Protein backbone atom coordinates (compact mmCIF):
# COMPACT_ATOMS: atom_id res chain seq x y z
CA MET A 1 -10.10 17.57 31.86
CA ARG A 2 -11.23 17.09 28.06
CA ARG A 3 -14.99 16.99 27.08
CA MET A 4 -15.59 14.34 24.60
CA PRO A 5 -17.90 15.01 21.54
CA GLU A 6 -21.31 13.55 21.73
CA GLY A 7 -23.55 11.88 19.14
CA GLU A 8 -21.36 8.82 18.53
CA PRO A 9 -20.67 5.61 20.26
CA ARG A 10 -18.66 5.93 23.56
CA ASN A 11 -15.80 3.78 22.54
CA SER A 12 -15.37 5.78 19.35
CA ARG A 13 -15.45 9.16 21.32
CA ILE A 14 -12.83 7.95 23.69
CA GLN A 15 -10.81 6.90 20.79
CA ARG A 16 -10.98 10.41 19.17
CA ALA A 17 -10.26 12.01 22.48
CA VAL A 18 -6.87 9.84 22.73
CA VAL A 19 -6.14 11.01 19.06
CA GLN A 20 -6.72 14.72 19.98
CA LEU A 21 -4.62 14.48 23.02
CA ILE A 22 -1.71 13.19 20.87
CA LEU A 23 -2.42 15.83 18.44
CA ASP A 24 -2.59 18.50 21.26
CA ARG A 25 0.70 17.32 22.85
CA LYS A 26 2.27 17.15 19.68
CA LEU A 27 3.48 13.47 20.50
CA ARG A 28 5.76 11.90 17.51
CA PRO A 29 5.54 8.20 16.57
CA GLY A 30 7.43 6.30 19.22
CA ALA A 31 6.76 8.80 21.90
CA PRO A 32 5.41 7.31 25.13
CA LEU A 33 1.71 8.08 25.78
CA PRO A 34 0.37 9.12 29.32
CA THR A 35 -0.51 6.15 31.50
CA GLU A 36 -3.69 4.70 31.79
CA THR A 37 -4.49 6.36 35.21
CA GLU A 38 -3.35 9.71 33.49
CA LEU A 39 -5.64 9.03 30.58
CA MET A 40 -8.49 8.06 32.80
CA ASP A 41 -8.04 11.39 34.54
CA ALA A 42 -7.75 13.52 31.53
CA LEU A 43 -10.73 11.83 29.76
CA ARG A 44 -12.97 11.17 32.79
CA VAL A 45 -13.51 7.52 31.86
CA SER A 46 -12.85 4.33 33.46
CA ARG A 47 -9.75 1.81 33.07
CA ASN A 48 -11.53 -0.54 30.86
CA SER A 49 -12.82 2.17 28.62
CA VAL A 50 -9.22 3.19 28.23
CA ARG A 51 -8.02 -0.19 27.53
CA GLU A 52 -10.80 -1.00 24.97
CA ALA A 53 -9.94 2.52 23.19
CA LEU A 54 -6.25 1.86 22.96
CA LYS A 55 -6.68 -1.83 21.68
CA ALA A 56 -8.85 -0.29 18.97
CA LEU A 57 -6.20 2.39 18.11
CA GLN A 58 -3.41 -0.24 18.21
CA ALA A 59 -5.19 -2.03 15.34
CA LEU A 60 -5.33 1.20 13.46
CA ASP A 61 -1.50 1.30 14.23
CA ILE A 62 -2.30 4.90 15.85
CA VAL A 63 -0.90 3.36 19.10
CA GLU A 64 1.70 0.74 19.90
CA ILE A 65 1.02 -1.37 23.03
CA ARG A 66 4.20 -2.94 24.43
CA HIS A 67 3.31 -5.31 27.26
CA GLY A 68 5.39 -4.31 30.32
CA HIS A 69 6.75 -1.09 29.00
CA GLY A 70 3.66 1.06 28.22
CA THR A 71 1.73 2.42 25.48
CA TYR A 72 3.27 4.53 22.68
CA VAL A 73 2.60 6.67 19.46
CA GLY A 74 2.25 4.18 16.45
CA GLN A 75 3.64 4.67 13.07
CA ALA A 76 0.06 5.08 11.67
CA GLY A 77 1.09 2.86 8.73
CA LEU A 78 -1.34 1.65 5.86
CA THR A 79 -1.71 -1.91 7.41
CA PRO A 80 -5.27 -1.39 8.45
CA LEU A 81 -5.86 -0.23 4.81
CA VAL A 82 -4.31 -3.32 3.43
CA ASP A 83 -6.26 -5.67 5.74
CA GLY A 84 -9.51 -3.89 4.86
CA LEU A 85 -8.86 -4.06 0.92
CA THR A 86 -7.63 -7.60 1.16
CA PHE A 87 -10.96 -8.55 3.11
CA ARG A 88 -12.99 -6.69 0.74
CA THR A 89 -11.63 -8.41 -2.36
CA LEU A 90 -11.50 -11.79 -0.89
CA THR A 91 -15.34 -11.67 0.19
CA ARG A 92 -16.30 -11.07 -3.32
CA HIS A 93 -17.25 -14.51 -5.25
CA ASP A 94 -14.07 -16.45 -6.66
CA ASP A 95 -15.48 -15.94 -10.10
CA ASP A 96 -16.15 -12.18 -9.72
CA PRO A 97 -12.92 -10.20 -10.64
CA GLY A 98 -14.81 -7.02 -10.28
CA ALA A 99 -13.35 -6.09 -6.64
CA LEU A 100 -9.70 -6.58 -7.82
CA ALA A 101 -10.23 -4.78 -11.08
CA GLU A 102 -11.41 -1.62 -9.16
CA LEU A 103 -8.21 -1.96 -7.17
CA LEU A 104 -6.13 -2.26 -10.05
CA GLN A 105 -7.73 0.65 -11.71
CA VAL A 106 -7.07 2.91 -8.76
CA ARG A 107 -3.33 1.85 -8.87
CA GLU A 108 -3.31 2.38 -12.49
CA VAL A 109 -4.74 5.96 -12.12
CA LEU A 110 -2.30 6.80 -9.41
CA GLU A 111 0.86 5.57 -11.45
CA GLU A 112 -0.06 7.19 -14.80
CA GLY A 113 -0.51 10.43 -13.01
CA LEU A 114 2.52 10.19 -11.31
CA LEU A 115 4.60 9.59 -14.36
CA ARG A 116 3.97 13.28 -15.48
CA ARG A 117 6.08 14.28 -12.61
CA VAL A 118 8.72 11.38 -12.92
CA VAL A 119 9.54 12.16 -16.33
CA PRO A 120 11.25 15.51 -15.76
CA ALA A 121 12.73 14.44 -12.43
CA VAL A 122 14.35 11.04 -13.31
CA THR A 123 18.13 10.86 -13.77
CA ASP A 124 20.13 8.85 -15.86
CA PRO A 125 21.51 6.72 -13.08
CA VAL A 126 18.11 5.96 -11.79
CA LEU A 127 17.10 4.98 -15.47
CA ASP A 128 20.21 2.53 -15.67
CA ARG A 129 18.98 1.05 -12.39
CA LEU A 130 15.52 0.49 -13.96
CA GLU A 131 17.04 -1.10 -17.06
CA SER A 132 19.20 -3.41 -14.65
CA VAL A 133 15.89 -4.46 -12.87
CA VAL A 134 14.39 -5.13 -16.06
CA THR A 135 17.40 -7.20 -17.20
CA ARG A 136 17.15 -9.43 -14.06
CA MET A 137 13.52 -10.00 -14.62
CA GLU A 138 14.42 -11.15 -18.14
CA ALA A 139 17.01 -13.41 -16.89
CA ALA A 140 14.51 -14.74 -14.32
CA GLY A 141 11.82 -15.32 -16.99
CA ARG A 142 14.29 -17.25 -19.11
CA SER A 143 15.41 -19.59 -16.22
CA GLY A 144 11.58 -20.23 -15.30
CA ARG A 145 11.87 -18.38 -12.17
CA PRO A 146 8.89 -15.89 -11.03
CA PHE A 147 9.98 -12.41 -10.34
CA PRO A 148 7.30 -10.59 -8.29
CA GLU A 149 9.70 -8.93 -6.08
CA LEU A 150 11.92 -7.61 -8.90
CA ASP A 151 8.29 -6.34 -10.38
CA ARG A 152 7.72 -4.47 -7.01
CA GLN A 153 11.18 -3.22 -6.89
CA PHE A 154 10.67 -1.75 -10.43
CA HIS A 155 7.75 0.28 -9.60
CA GLU A 156 8.93 1.63 -6.08
CA LEU A 157 12.38 2.90 -7.74
CA LEU A 158 10.36 4.26 -10.50
CA TYR A 159 8.83 6.83 -8.19
CA ALA A 160 11.80 7.37 -6.07
CA PRO A 161 12.75 10.39 -7.76
CA LEU A 162 9.67 12.42 -6.63
CA GLY A 163 10.73 12.17 -3.20
CA ASN A 164 7.30 11.48 -1.73
CA ALA A 165 7.21 9.16 1.14
CA LEU A 166 3.65 8.35 0.77
CA VAL A 167 3.93 7.02 -2.73
CA PRO A 168 5.78 3.72 -2.14
CA GLN A 169 3.35 3.10 1.11
CA PHE A 170 0.49 3.38 -1.35
CA LEU A 171 2.06 1.35 -4.13
CA GLY A 172 3.41 -1.31 -1.45
CA ALA A 173 -0.32 -1.52 -0.05
CA PHE A 174 -1.87 -2.05 -3.36
CA TRP A 175 0.99 -4.42 -4.09
CA THR A 176 0.55 -6.56 -1.01
CA VAL A 177 -3.21 -6.69 -1.32
CA TYR A 178 -2.76 -8.21 -4.87
CA ARG A 179 -0.28 -10.65 -3.73
CA ARG A 180 -2.45 -11.81 -1.03
CA VAL A 181 -5.44 -12.24 -3.15
CA ALA A 182 -3.34 -14.02 -5.84
CA GLY A 183 -1.87 -16.43 -3.07
CA ALA A 184 -5.42 -17.05 -1.33
CA ARG A 185 -6.93 -17.90 -4.80
CA GLY A 186 -4.02 -20.01 -6.03
CA TRP A 187 -3.29 -18.17 -9.12
CA THR A 188 -0.07 -19.55 -11.06
CA ASP A 189 3.02 -17.66 -11.66
CA ASP A 190 3.00 -15.16 -14.93
CA PRO A 191 2.20 -17.23 -17.90
CA ALA A 192 3.93 -14.61 -20.24
CA PRO A 193 7.09 -13.29 -18.38
CA GLU A 194 8.55 -12.24 -21.63
CA VAL A 195 5.49 -9.94 -22.32
CA THR A 196 5.70 -8.49 -18.82
CA VAL A 197 9.54 -7.89 -19.35
CA ARG A 198 8.89 -6.16 -22.55
CA ARG A 199 6.08 -3.99 -20.99
CA HIS A 200 8.54 -2.93 -18.42
CA ARG A 201 11.46 -2.01 -20.80
CA ASP A 202 8.83 -0.02 -22.94
CA ILE A 203 8.28 2.16 -19.84
CA VAL A 204 12.10 2.93 -19.64
CA ILE A 205 12.58 3.52 -23.23
CA ALA A 206 9.78 6.16 -23.02
CA LEU A 207 11.28 7.71 -19.89
CA ARG A 208 14.84 7.92 -21.60
CA ALA A 209 13.18 9.74 -24.43
CA ARG A 210 11.45 12.20 -21.81
CA ASP A 211 8.12 11.10 -23.70
CA VAL A 212 5.53 11.78 -20.91
CA ALA A 213 2.51 10.33 -23.39
CA GLY A 214 4.44 7.46 -24.27
CA ALA A 215 5.40 6.57 -20.58
CA GLN A 216 1.74 6.78 -19.63
CA HIS A 217 0.60 4.62 -22.59
CA ALA A 218 3.15 1.98 -21.86
CA MET A 219 2.10 1.92 -18.17
CA ALA A 220 -1.45 1.80 -19.37
CA VAL A 221 -0.64 -1.30 -21.63
CA HIS A 222 1.00 -2.80 -18.67
CA PHE A 223 -2.01 -2.53 -16.51
CA ARG A 224 -4.27 -3.90 -19.21
CA GLY A 225 -2.09 -6.96 -18.89
CA ILE A 226 -2.62 -7.29 -15.39
CA GLU A 227 -6.23 -6.77 -15.44
CA SER A 228 -6.69 -9.22 -18.23
CA ARG A 229 -4.80 -11.90 -16.48
CA ALA A 230 -6.72 -11.13 -13.21
CA ALA A 231 -9.88 -11.69 -15.20
CA GLN A 232 -8.55 -14.99 -16.83
CA GLU A 233 -7.35 -16.47 -13.41
CA SER A 234 -10.79 -15.66 -12.02
CA ARG A 235 -12.55 -17.64 -14.65
CA GLY A 236 -10.05 -20.56 -14.32
CA VAL A 237 -8.51 -19.80 -17.71
CA GLY A 238 -4.44 -20.07 -17.53
């Protein structure tokens, strides 16, 4: 039987004990957890306590409760992070872009830092695919169609050569928060799509030249534009 750590709320202690049990047994995502009765015996707690802990862990994507089938180890994705950051940003006043600016700064630091590793790793086929995405963005902009998904595709493809599975998850999390905030506040589509296209193309040009500083500068300029637009939208300036 497992002794739970003292000095924290009981429900939190039970959650930690369940997590530790998963780790100790080396259960992988998708693996079935012990039954409620087995957890009760292992942790020496009531059924209600087990259920409350499992519900809390489900909200964190650590466990997955499939009604009628049992409880399984979750994927531990970044959904809780996305929800928390969205809430944090939206609870600031509508005319205060500070929270979103903070989020964009973190993403900018992440992307600029990663570019140093991308430059020597990116291949010509990937560069061609990036250029193709930029061309599709340009066509969409000329026809008056917004292209947020192409923008997202560009950034995901940009860091694919690193082979780091966590990078697209983090970038996707930041992207989702930004789009949620933009939608909740009724922000308009990109008022200058041709500028956005040019900034993405500048990144590709620098990458083709294997110019780390140039690529990082192009990315910084790109983010200055995003931050400026966010500030304008928050002030109601189109």
